[in-house]
Amino acid sequence: MTVERGVRLMAGVIILVSLALAYYFSPYWLWLMAFVGLNLVQSAFTNWCPAMSMLRGLGLKSGDGCAK
């Protein structure tokens, strides 16, 4: 798994968990979903987000952009 795929996986999981928490407990959990969405938007422009640094620290490598 590459860093890029890891970021998408992490964002998707957090969004789904946030949605479930908002449904079952409190709508304030939607703020977490908004934060993840805003982080994805800023990372599209800067090519950096905190999750990328964390995943690189865990040993994931950056992809070369080629589908294999």
Protein backbone atom coordinates (compact mmCIF):
# COMPACT_ATOMS: atom_id res chain seq x y z
CA MET A 1 0.00 0.00 0.00
CA THR A 2 1.24 3.47 -0.82
CA VAL A 3 0.94 6.66 1.20
CA GLU A 4 -1.61 8.06 -1.25
CA ARG A 5 -3.85 5.01 -0.96
CA GLY A 6 -3.41 5.00 2.80
CA VAL A 7 -4.58 8.60 3.05
CA ARG A 8 -7.68 7.84 0.99
CA LEU A 9 -8.39 4.74 3.10
CA MET A 10 -7.93 6.64 6.36
CA ALA A 11 -10.13 9.53 5.19
CA GLY A 12 -12.88 7.17 4.05
CA VAL A 13 -12.88 5.22 7.31
CA ILE A 14 -12.96 8.40 9.42
CA ILE A 15 -15.82 9.81 7.34
CA LEU A 16 -17.87 6.62 7.69
CA VAL A 17 -17.20 6.39 11.44
CA SER A 18 -18.10 10.06 11.84
CA LEU A 19 -21.34 9.52 9.95
CA ALA A 20 -22.27 6.55 12.17
CA LEU A 21 -21.42 8.48 15.35
CA ALA A 22 -23.52 11.43 14.17
CA TYR A 23 -26.46 9.15 13.42
CA TYR A 24 -26.37 7.21 16.68
CA PHE A 25 -25.05 9.73 19.20
CA SER A 26 -24.79 13.40 18.28
CA PRO A 27 -24.83 15.52 15.13
CA TYR A 28 -21.75 17.32 16.44
CA TRP A 29 -19.71 14.39 15.08
CA LEU A 30 -20.36 15.86 11.61
CA TRP A 31 -17.69 18.44 12.46
CA LEU A 32 -15.13 15.65 12.28
CA MET A 33 -16.36 14.81 8.79
CA ALA A 34 -16.09 18.47 7.79
CA PHE A 35 -12.53 18.61 9.15
CA VAL A 36 -11.51 15.56 7.12
CA GLY A 37 -13.09 17.04 3.99
CA LEU A 38 -11.32 20.37 4.45
CA ASN A 39 -8.04 18.55 5.06
CA LEU A 40 -8.48 16.65 1.79
CA VAL A 41 -9.14 19.90 -0.08
CA GLN A 42 -6.05 21.63 1.34
CA SER A 43 -3.92 18.56 0.61
CA ALA A 44 -5.02 18.68 -3.03
CA PHE A 45 -3.39 22.11 -3.29
CA THR A 46 -0.35 21.58 -1.06
CA ASN A 47 0.29 17.84 -1.58
CA TRP A 48 0.73 17.47 2.19
CA CYS A 49 -1.45 16.47 5.11
CA PRO A 50 -0.67 15.19 8.61
CA ALA A 51 -1.78 11.68 7.66
CA MET A 52 0.91 11.51 4.96
CA SER A 53 3.63 12.19 7.51
CA MET A 54 2.18 9.62 9.87
CA LEU A 55 1.91 6.93 7.18
CA ARG A 56 5.46 7.59 5.98
CA GLY A 57 6.58 7.18 9.58
CA LEU A 58 4.87 3.78 9.59
CA GLY A 59 6.96 2.77 6.58
CA LEU A 60 4.62 3.26 3.64
CA LYS A 61 6.24 4.45 0.42
CA SER A 62 5.00 7.08 -2.01
CA GLY A 63 3.50 5.73 -5.22
CA ASP A 64 5.00 6.52 -8.59
CA GLY A 65 1.63 7.27 -10.18
CA CYS A 66 1.58 4.17 -12.39
CA ALA A 67 -1.15 1.60 -12.12
CA LYS A 68 0.32 -1.88 -11.85
